[in-house]
Amino acid sequence: MSPNDNPFHLLPQPWDRIFPPVATVVVWGMFFGAIYLLRSFFLLLFLTFVFSYLQARSVTRLKPRIKNRIARVVLVALLCLGILTAAGIFLVPKVKKQTEVFASQFTTYLSRVDQELFSLAKRYPLLGEVAPELADRSEQNPPEGGEKKGLKHSPTYSMLQQLLRLDDANSGQNTGHAPGTLGNIGGKIASIGGKVASVTSAFLLSLLFSFLIVLDLPNLGAGVRALESTRLRFIYRSVAGNIRDFSLVLGRALEAQLIIAIINSFLTAIGISLLGLGEQVAFLSVIVFFCSFFPVIGVFISSIPICLIALQTKGLQVMFLAILLITIIHIIEGYILNPRVYGSYMRINSVIVLIILTIGGKLFDFWGLILGVPVCTYVFGHAIRLKKPDPPEPLPPPPDGD
C-alpha cells in the first residue's frame, strides 16, 4: 500500500499498521449500527434502492436514443408510474376480490384434500401405516360440514402448518381463537390486511425518493466521492467499494429475478386459463409473481393455492394437470430462463440455496428469504476473495550490443 492510500502513514510504527484495521472495524460497526437504528424504515429503504436501481439502469440504456438525461429520467419515471397506475386500476380490485373468495373458502379446500387423502388411505393401507393419522380418520366417514369444527385434526392443515408455519405458539393468544380454527386464519389474514396501509405509504414514498435520487444522481455521486479529499477519507475507503459492489450484486439479482417473475406469471396465467381456472387468474398470477422472488421455496408456496383451487373446482385430474403445468414452467425457468438471464452469475446449487433460506428465514424472517442468497453470493464471491496482485512490469529490453 502506498502512502497516499494509507491515511495513517504519518503515525509512528507500529501504529501506522494497527490503526487501519481498527478504523475499518469501527466504520463497519457504525454502518451496521445505523442500519439497526433505522430498522423500522427498512422497507422504505429497500424499495427506494430497488426503484432507484431499476430506473437508473433504464436511464442508462436509453442514453443512445435520448441524449438529454433529464428527459430520460422523466420519461422512465412516467413509464413506471403509468404501469403502476394501470395495475392499481385494473388488477388490484380483481386480486382483492379473488383473495377474499380464497380466504373465505380456505377450510373447504382443505376439507376436500382431506377427503382425497382418506380415500387413498382406504385403498392403500401402507399409506395409513406411514401416516397413522390418516388410518385413524379413514375408518370413519368425516362429516360434510367438518370444516366448520376447525382444522385442528386436519392432516392437510398439519402439513401446511409445518411448511408455512401457520400456527405459531402465540397465535391463539394474539387472536383470541384456538390454534387450527378458521378464526385464527382469519385473524392472520386481517393482520396482513392491516399492514397494507403502511406498505402502500412506503411504496409511494420510495417512488418519490427514487425519482429524486436518479434525477440528481451525478451530483450525489460527486458529493460522495468528494469525501476522499477530506479528513474522513478513511471512512470512504473502508466502506465505499464494498457498498458499491454489494449494491451491484443485489441490484442485478433483483433485476434478473423481476424478469423471471414476470415471465413465470405470464406463463402461469396462460396455463391456468387453459385448465379452466380463469376466474382466479389474477389472484394466482400475483401469488406466482411475488413467490418468484423466493428461490426454490417460492415454487412450493405458489403451488399450494393453485392445487387447492384446481382440486375443489375441477377435480383430482385437473389438480394433477396443474402440478404438471407448474413442473413444466419451472423446468423452463431452471434450464432456459436462468442460464439466459443470470448466465453464470449468481448460480448456486439448490441444496445450498435451501440451507441459506432455512437459516436466513429462521434468523431474519421475511428479509432473510429475500436477501439471503444475494448476501451470501456477495460474501463468497466478492468480500472474502483475495484480490489478484497486479502483474509485474516487463523487464526493459537489453541494450544494443549485448
Protein backbone atom coordinates (compact mmCIF):
# COMPACT_ATOMS: atom_id res chain seq x y z
CA MET A 1 0.00 0.00 0.00
CA SER A 2 1.42 3.38 -0.99
CA PRO A 3 1.50 6.29 1.50
CA ASN A 4 -1.26 8.05 -0.42
CA ASP A 5 -3.56 5.03 0.05
CA ASN A 6 -2.93 4.87 3.80
CA PRO A 7 -4.28 7.91 5.69
CA PHE A 8 -2.37 6.77 8.81
CA HIS A 9 1.10 6.75 7.20
CA LEU A 10 2.23 9.73 9.29
CA LEU A 11 1.77 7.80 12.55
CA PRO A 12 4.86 6.22 14.16
CA GLN A 13 5.39 2.49 13.86
CA PRO A 14 3.69 0.14 14.69
CA TRP A 15 0.60 2.39 14.98
CA ASP A 16 0.56 3.01 11.23
CA ARG A 17 -0.19 -0.73 10.77
CA ILE A 18 -2.56 -1.12 13.75
CA PHE A 19 -4.91 1.78 13.11
CA PRO A 20 -6.16 0.83 9.58
CA PRO A 21 -7.86 -2.47 10.58
CA VAL A 22 -9.18 -0.91 13.82
CA ALA A 23 -10.63 2.01 11.86
CA THR A 24 -12.24 -0.41 9.38
CA VAL A 25 -13.91 -2.37 12.20
CA VAL A 26 -15.17 0.86 13.80
CA VAL A 27 -16.53 2.18 10.49
CA TRP A 28 -18.40 -1.06 9.72
CA GLY A 29 -19.72 -1.16 13.29
CA MET A 30 -21.10 2.35 12.85
CA PHE A 31 -22.61 1.37 9.49
CA PHE A 32 -24.45 -1.69 10.84
CA GLY A 33 -25.46 0.26 13.94
CA ALA A 34 -27.09 2.89 11.72
CA ILE A 35 -28.95 0.13 9.84
CA TYR A 36 -30.17 -1.31 13.15
CA LEU A 37 -31.40 2.09 14.32
CA LEU A 38 -33.24 2.56 11.01
CA ARG A 39 -34.73 -0.96 11.01
CA SER A 40 -38.30 0.41 11.21
CA PHE A 41 -37.65 2.17 7.88
CA PHE A 42 -36.00 -0.84 6.25
CA LEU A 43 -38.90 -1.49 3.85
CA LEU A 44 -38.78 2.13 2.68
CA LEU A 45 -35.00 1.97 2.22
CA PHE A 46 -35.19 -1.34 0.38
CA LEU A 47 -37.94 -0.23 -2.01
CA THR A 48 -36.13 3.07 -2.64
CA PHE A 49 -32.98 1.15 -3.56
CA VAL A 50 -34.88 -1.22 -5.87
CA PHE A 51 -36.73 1.54 -7.71
CA SER A 52 -33.60 3.71 -7.92
CA TYR A 53 -31.55 0.86 -9.37
CA LEU A 54 -34.18 -0.10 -11.94
CA GLN A 55 -34.75 3.50 -13.02
CA ALA A 56 -31.02 4.25 -13.19
CA ARG A 57 -30.43 1.17 -15.37
CA SER A 58 -33.29 2.15 -17.66
CA VAL A 59 -31.98 5.72 -17.94
CA THR A 60 -28.54 4.40 -18.89
CA ARG A 61 -29.97 2.06 -21.53
CA LEU A 62 -31.90 4.93 -23.14
CA LYS A 63 -28.78 7.07 -23.49
CA PRO A 64 -28.03 6.11 -27.14
CA ARG A 65 -31.60 7.08 -28.14
CA ILE A 66 -32.21 10.16 -25.96
CA LYS A 67 -29.23 12.42 -25.27
CA ASN A 68 -30.84 14.67 -22.65
CA ARG A 69 -30.52 12.97 -19.26
CA ILE A 70 -33.36 14.86 -17.54
CA ALA A 71 -35.71 13.87 -20.37
CA ARG A 72 -34.70 10.22 -19.93
CA VAL A 73 -35.28 10.34 -16.18
CA VAL A 74 -38.71 11.94 -16.54
CA LEU A 75 -39.70 9.50 -19.30
CA VAL A 76 -38.70 6.45 -17.21
CA ALA A 77 -40.48 7.82 -14.14
CA LEU A 78 -43.67 8.45 -16.11
CA LEU A 79 -43.50 4.96 -17.62
CA CYS A 80 -43.12 3.36 -14.18
CA LEU A 81 -45.94 5.49 -12.78
CA GLY A 82 -48.17 4.59 -15.72
CA ILE A 83 -47.56 0.85 -15.28
CA LEU A 84 -48.24 1.01 -11.54
CA THR A 85 -51.37 3.13 -12.04
CA ALA A 86 -52.75 0.71 -14.64
CA ALA A 87 -52.05 -2.21 -12.29
CA GLY A 88 -53.79 -0.39 -9.45
CA ILE A 89 -56.88 0.35 -11.55
CA PHE A 90 -57.34 -2.92 -13.43
CA LEU A 91 -55.51 -5.59 -11.42
CA VAL A 92 -55.74 -4.72 -7.73
CA PRO A 93 -59.58 -4.83 -7.46
CA LYS A 94 -59.69 -8.27 -9.09
CA VAL A 95 -56.90 -9.58 -6.87
CA LYS A 96 -58.63 -8.21 -3.77
CA LYS A 97 -61.94 -9.84 -4.67
CA GLN A 98 -60.39 -13.20 -5.57
CA THR A 99 -58.25 -13.17 -2.41
CA GLU A 100 -61.35 -12.68 -0.27
CA VAL A 101 -63.04 -15.62 -2.01
CA PHE A 102 -60.00 -17.83 -1.48
CA ALA A 103 -59.76 -16.87 2.21
CA SER A 104 -63.47 -17.49 2.81
CA GLN A 105 -63.27 -20.98 1.23
CA PHE A 106 -59.88 -21.96 2.65
CA THR A 107 -61.22 -24.60 5.03
CA THR A 108 -63.42 -26.01 2.25
CA TYR A 109 -60.34 -26.51 0.09
CA LEU A 110 -58.50 -28.28 2.91
CA SER A 111 -61.52 -30.45 3.70
CA ARG A 112 -61.61 -31.62 0.07
CA VAL A 113 -57.93 -32.55 0.21
CA ASP A 114 -58.58 -34.45 3.46
CA GLN A 115 -61.32 -36.46 1.76
CA GLU A 116 -58.96 -37.47 -1.04
CA LEU A 117 -56.28 -38.45 1.47
CA PHE A 118 -58.73 -40.56 3.48
CA SER A 119 -59.93 -42.37 0.35
CA LEU A 120 -56.31 -43.08 -0.64
CA ALA A 121 -55.66 -44.44 2.86
CA LYS A 122 -58.57 -46.88 2.43
CA ARG A 123 -57.27 -48.08 -0.93
CA TYR A 124 -53.64 -48.34 0.12
CA PRO A 125 -53.20 -49.49 3.76
CA LEU A 126 -49.47 -48.85 3.51
CA LEU A 127 -50.23 -45.13 3.39
CA GLY A 128 -52.08 -45.46 6.69
CA GLU A 129 -49.05 -47.14 8.24
CA VAL A 130 -46.81 -44.28 7.11
CA ALA A 131 -49.30 -41.64 8.35
CA PRO A 132 -51.27 -43.11 11.31
CA GLU A 133 -53.50 -40.05 11.45
CA LEU A 134 -54.91 -40.96 8.04
CA ALA A 135 -55.57 -44.54 9.11
CA ASP A 136 -57.46 -43.46 12.22
CA ARG A 137 -59.61 -40.96 10.37
CA SER A 138 -60.22 -43.13 7.30
CA GLU A 139 -62.06 -45.72 9.39
CA GLN A 140 -64.87 -43.27 9.90
CA ASN A 141 -66.53 -41.04 7.35
CA PRO A 142 -65.75 -37.38 8.05
CA PRO A 143 -68.90 -35.24 8.19
CA GLU A 144 -69.64 -32.98 5.28
CA GLY A 145 -69.58 -29.93 7.48
CA GLY A 146 -66.45 -30.99 9.28
CA GLU A 147 -64.56 -27.90 8.26
CA LYS A 148 -66.82 -25.81 10.47
CA LYS A 149 -65.44 -27.56 13.52
CA GLY A 150 -61.97 -26.26 12.84
CA LEU A 151 -58.80 -27.54 11.29
CA LYS A 152 -57.14 -28.91 14.39
CA HIS A 153 -57.40 -32.54 13.24
CA SER A 154 -56.90 -31.89 9.52
CA PRO A 155 -53.83 -33.72 8.14
CA THR A 156 -53.65 -31.24 5.25
CA TYR A 157 -53.58 -28.32 7.65
CA SER A 158 -50.90 -30.07 9.68
CA MET A 159 -48.70 -30.35 6.59
CA LEU A 160 -49.27 -26.68 5.71
CA GLN A 161 -48.57 -25.80 9.30
CA GLN A 162 -45.13 -27.39 9.06
CA LEU A 163 -44.38 -25.92 5.63
CA LEU A 164 -45.62 -22.34 6.12
CA ARG A 165 -45.53 -22.04 9.93
CA LEU A 166 -49.20 -21.04 10.01
CA ASP A 167 -49.61 -21.99 13.66
CA ASP A 168 -47.19 -20.05 15.86
CA ALA A 169 -47.03 -20.52 19.58
CA ASN A 170 -48.59 -17.13 20.23
CA SER A 171 -51.25 -17.25 17.55
CA GLY A 172 -54.01 -18.35 19.87
CA GLN A 173 -53.09 -15.69 22.43
CA ASN A 174 -52.94 -12.86 19.91
CA THR A 175 -56.16 -13.58 18.04
CA GLY A 176 -58.32 -14.99 20.81
CA HIS A 177 -59.01 -18.15 18.79
CA ALA A 178 -57.81 -21.68 19.31
CA PRO A 179 -54.99 -22.79 17.01
CA GLY A 180 -56.16 -24.50 13.87
CA THR A 181 -59.53 -22.75 13.62
CA LEU A 182 -60.95 -20.60 10.87
CA GLY A 183 -60.99 -17.62 13.22
CA ASN A 184 -57.25 -17.96 13.76
CA ILE A 185 -56.62 -17.99 10.00
CA GLY A 186 -58.97 -15.04 9.57
CA GLY A 187 -57.04 -13.18 12.24
CA LYS A 188 -53.82 -13.76 10.35
CA ILE A 189 -55.37 -12.53 7.12
CA ALA A 190 -56.73 -9.49 8.96
CA SER A 191 -53.29 -8.75 10.42
CA ILE A 192 -51.82 -8.88 6.94
CA GLY A 193 -54.56 -6.56 5.68
CA GLY A 194 -53.79 -4.13 8.49
CA LYS A 195 -50.28 -3.66 7.12
CA VAL A 196 -51.47 -2.71 3.64
CA ALA A 197 -51.71 0.99 4.51
CA SER A 198 -48.14 1.20 5.85
CA VAL A 199 -46.78 -0.80 2.90
CA THR A 200 -48.65 1.43 0.45
CA SER A 201 -47.27 4.60 2.04
CA ALA A 202 -43.74 3.19 1.96
CA PHE A 203 -44.28 2.19 -1.67
CA LEU A 204 -45.38 5.69 -2.72
CA LEU A 205 -42.63 7.43 -0.74
CA SER A 206 -39.99 5.13 -2.23
CA LEU A 207 -41.21 6.04 -5.74
CA LEU A 208 -40.82 9.73 -4.96
CA PHE A 209 -37.41 9.32 -3.31
CA SER A 210 -36.09 7.10 -6.11
CA PHE A 211 -37.14 9.67 -8.75
CA LEU A 212 -35.33 12.47 -6.88
CA ILE A 213 -32.24 10.29 -6.36
CA VAL A 214 -31.99 9.27 -10.02
CA LEU A 215 -32.65 12.84 -11.16
CA ASP A 216 -29.74 14.19 -9.10
CA LEU A 217 -27.56 11.04 -9.24
CA PRO A 218 -24.45 12.66 -10.86
CA ASN A 219 -24.30 15.36 -8.18
CA LEU A 220 -24.92 12.83 -5.40
CA GLY A 221 -22.12 10.61 -6.72
CA ALA A 222 -19.72 13.56 -6.95
CA GLY A 223 -20.60 14.58 -3.39
CA VAL A 224 -19.88 11.09 -2.05
CA ARG A 225 -16.59 10.83 -3.95
CA ALA A 226 -15.59 14.21 -2.52
CA LEU A 227 -15.25 12.53 0.89
CA GLU A 228 -11.97 11.06 -0.34
CA SER A 229 -10.45 14.56 -0.25
CA THR A 230 -11.46 15.21 3.37
CA ARG A 231 -10.20 14.04 6.73
CA LEU A 232 -12.94 11.38 6.68
CA ARG A 233 -11.37 9.65 3.68
CA PHE A 234 -10.60 6.56 5.77
CA ILE A 235 -14.36 6.05 6.16
CA TYR A 236 -14.88 6.40 2.42
CA ARG A 237 -12.04 3.97 1.63
CA SER A 238 -13.26 1.45 4.21
CA VAL A 239 -16.84 1.06 3.02
CA ALA A 240 -17.39 2.76 -0.34
CA GLY A 241 -16.01 -0.02 -2.54
CA ASN A 242 -17.78 -2.79 -0.63
CA ILE A 243 -21.11 -0.97 -0.59
CA ARG A 244 -20.84 -0.33 -4.33
CA ASP A 245 -20.04 -3.98 -5.06
CA PHE A 246 -22.88 -5.25 -2.86
CA SER A 247 -25.33 -2.80 -4.42
CA LEU A 248 -24.43 -4.09 -7.88
CA VAL A 249 -24.80 -7.73 -6.79
CA LEU A 250 -28.16 -7.09 -5.12
CA GLY A 251 -29.44 -4.90 -7.94
CA ARG A 252 -28.53 -7.38 -10.66
CA ALA A 253 -30.06 -10.25 -8.69
CA LEU A 254 -33.36 -8.41 -8.16
CA GLU A 255 -33.47 -7.21 -11.77
CA ALA A 256 -32.93 -10.73 -13.07
CA GLN A 257 -35.49 -12.15 -10.65
CA LEU A 258 -38.01 -9.50 -11.71
CA ILE A 259 -37.69 -10.60 -15.35
CA ILE A 260 -38.12 -14.25 -14.35
CA ALA A 261 -41.11 -13.40 -12.11
CA ILE A 262 -42.88 -11.59 -14.96
CA ILE A 263 -42.33 -14.50 -17.37
CA ASN A 264 -43.41 -17.06 -14.75
CA SER A 265 -46.60 -15.11 -14.03
CA PHE A 266 -47.40 -14.77 -17.74
CA LEU A 267 -46.90 -18.50 -18.40
CA THR A 268 -48.91 -19.41 -15.29
CA ALA A 269 -51.79 -17.14 -16.34
CA ILE A 270 -51.93 -18.84 -19.74
CA GLY A 271 -51.72 -22.33 -18.22
CA ILE A 272 -54.40 -21.92 -15.56
CA SER A 273 -56.70 -20.28 -18.11
CA LEU A 274 -56.33 -23.36 -20.32
CA LEU A 275 -57.16 -25.54 -17.30
CA GLY A 276 -60.44 -23.68 -16.80
CA LEU A 277 -59.34 -21.69 -13.72
CA GLY A 278 -59.68 -18.29 -15.39
CA GLU A 279 -61.92 -16.96 -12.60
CA GLN A 280 -58.90 -16.98 -10.25
CA VAL A 281 -56.22 -15.99 -12.78
CA ALA A 282 -55.44 -12.57 -11.26
CA PHE A 283 -55.02 -13.87 -7.70
CA LEU A 284 -52.96 -16.91 -8.71
CA SER A 285 -50.72 -14.93 -11.09
CA VAL A 286 -49.94 -12.34 -8.41
CA ILE A 287 -49.09 -15.12 -5.95
CA VAL A 288 -46.70 -16.65 -8.51
CA PHE A 289 -45.15 -13.23 -9.20
CA PHE A 290 -44.28 -12.47 -5.59
CA CYS A 291 -43.25 -16.04 -4.75
CA SER A 292 -40.80 -15.99 -7.69
CA PHE A 293 -38.57 -13.73 -5.58
CA PHE A 294 -38.07 -16.59 -3.09
CA PRO A 295 -35.70 -19.10 -4.73
CA VAL A 296 -36.76 -22.78 -4.60
CA ILE A 297 -39.21 -22.43 -1.70
CA GLY A 298 -41.36 -19.98 -3.66
CA VAL A 299 -42.28 -22.77 -6.06
CA PHE A 300 -43.91 -24.80 -3.28
CA ILE A 301 -45.68 -21.82 -1.72
CA SER A 302 -47.19 -20.60 -5.01
CA SER A 303 -48.25 -24.13 -5.96
CA ILE A 304 -50.47 -24.59 -2.89
CA PRO A 305 -53.34 -22.23 -3.84
CA ILE A 306 -53.22 -23.39 -7.48
CA CYS A 307 -53.59 -27.05 -6.47
CA LEU A 308 -56.26 -26.34 -3.84
CA ILE A 309 -58.44 -24.36 -6.25
CA ALA A 310 -57.94 -26.88 -9.07
CA LEU A 311 -58.96 -29.78 -6.81
CA GLN A 312 -62.03 -28.04 -5.39
CA THR A 313 -63.38 -26.62 -8.65
CA LYS A 314 -62.31 -29.16 -11.30
CA GLY A 315 -61.34 -32.36 -9.51
CA LEU A 316 -58.32 -34.54 -8.93
CA GLN A 317 -57.30 -34.91 -12.57
CA VAL A 318 -57.11 -31.15 -13.13
CA MET A 319 -55.05 -30.83 -9.95
CA PHE A 320 -52.50 -33.28 -11.38
CA LEU A 321 -52.52 -31.31 -14.63
CA ALA A 322 -51.87 -28.17 -12.59
CA ILE A 323 -48.89 -29.87 -10.92
CA LEU A 324 -47.63 -30.87 -14.38
CA LEU A 325 -48.07 -27.27 -15.55
CA ILE A 326 -46.08 -25.93 -12.58
CA THR A 327 -43.34 -28.50 -13.19
CA ILE A 328 -43.04 -27.55 -16.87
CA ILE A 329 -42.90 -23.83 -16.09
CA HIS A 330 -40.13 -24.27 -13.55
CA ILE A 331 -38.19 -26.59 -15.87
CA ILE A 332 -38.33 -23.74 -18.39
CA GLU A 333 -37.18 -21.36 -15.66
CA GLY A 334 -34.34 -23.58 -14.47
CA TYR A 335 -32.94 -24.69 -17.82
CA ILE A 336 -33.83 -21.81 -20.17
CA LEU A 337 -34.55 -18.58 -18.28
CA ASN A 338 -31.97 -18.78 -15.50
CA PRO A 339 -28.98 -19.51 -17.79
CA ARG A 340 -30.02 -16.71 -20.17
CA VAL A 341 -30.96 -14.12 -17.55
CA TYR A 342 -28.35 -14.89 -14.92
CA GLY A 343 -25.70 -16.51 -17.12
CA SER A 344 -23.02 -17.89 -14.84
CA TYR A 345 -23.71 -15.05 -12.42
CA MET A 346 -25.27 -15.94 -9.04
CA ARG A 347 -25.91 -19.59 -9.96
CA ILE A 348 -25.84 -21.57 -6.71
CA ASN A 349 -26.56 -25.22 -6.04
CA SER A 350 -30.20 -25.76 -5.00
CA VAL A 351 -29.19 -27.57 -1.79
CA ILE A 352 -27.05 -24.59 -0.73
CA VAL A 353 -29.92 -22.24 -1.57
CA LEU A 354 -32.26 -24.24 0.69
CA ILE A 355 -29.73 -24.12 3.52
CA ILE A 356 -29.33 -20.35 3.09
CA LEU A 357 -33.11 -19.82 3.03
CA THR A 358 -33.65 -22.03 6.07
CA ILE A 359 -31.06 -20.19 8.16
CA GLY A 360 -31.97 -16.75 6.80
CA GLY A 361 -35.69 -17.28 7.30
CA LYS A 362 -35.17 -18.55 10.85
CA LEU A 363 -32.93 -15.62 11.85
CA PHE A 364 -34.40 -12.74 9.85
CA ASP A 365 -37.86 -13.98 8.72
CA PHE A 366 -39.05 -12.32 5.51
CA TRP A 367 -35.86 -10.34 4.88
CA GLY A 368 -33.75 -13.45 5.28
CA LEU A 369 -35.68 -15.10 2.44
CA ILE A 370 -35.37 -12.05 0.17
CA LEU A 371 -31.75 -11.06 0.84
CA GLY A 372 -30.19 -14.35 1.97
CA VAL A 373 -29.00 -15.54 -1.45
CA PRO A 374 -27.68 -12.15 -2.71
CA VAL A 375 -25.84 -11.53 0.57
CA CYS A 376 -24.18 -14.95 0.53
CA THR A 377 -23.33 -14.53 -3.14
CA TYR A 378 -21.60 -11.24 -2.36
CA VAL A 379 -19.78 -12.62 0.71
CA PHE A 380 -18.42 -15.73 -1.03
CA GLY A 381 -17.98 -14.14 -4.46
CA HIS A 382 -16.53 -10.76 -3.53
CA ALA A 383 -15.98 -9.93 0.14
CA ILE A 384 -13.72 -12.82 1.19
CA ARG A 385 -11.86 -13.28 -2.09
CA LEU A 386 -8.28 -12.09 -2.27
CA LYS A 387 -7.64 -9.56 -4.98
CA LYS A 388 -5.20 -10.70 -7.60
CA PRO A 389 -1.94 -8.76 -7.45
CA ASP A 390 -1.06 -6.58 -10.38
CA PRO A 391 1.16 -8.38 -12.91
CA PRO A 392 4.83 -7.39 -12.73
CA GLU A 393 6.04 -4.88 -15.24
CA PRO A 394 8.02 -6.40 -18.12
CA LEU A 395 11.77 -6.10 -17.97
CA PRO A 396 13.31 -3.47 -20.25
CA PRO A 397 14.98 -4.81 -23.40
CA PRO A 398 18.72 -5.34 -23.17
CA PRO A 399 20.92 -2.60 -24.61
CA ASP A 400 22.26 -2.98 -28.11
CA GLY A 401 25.49 -4.91 -28.41
CA ASP A 402 24.81 -7.37 -25.54
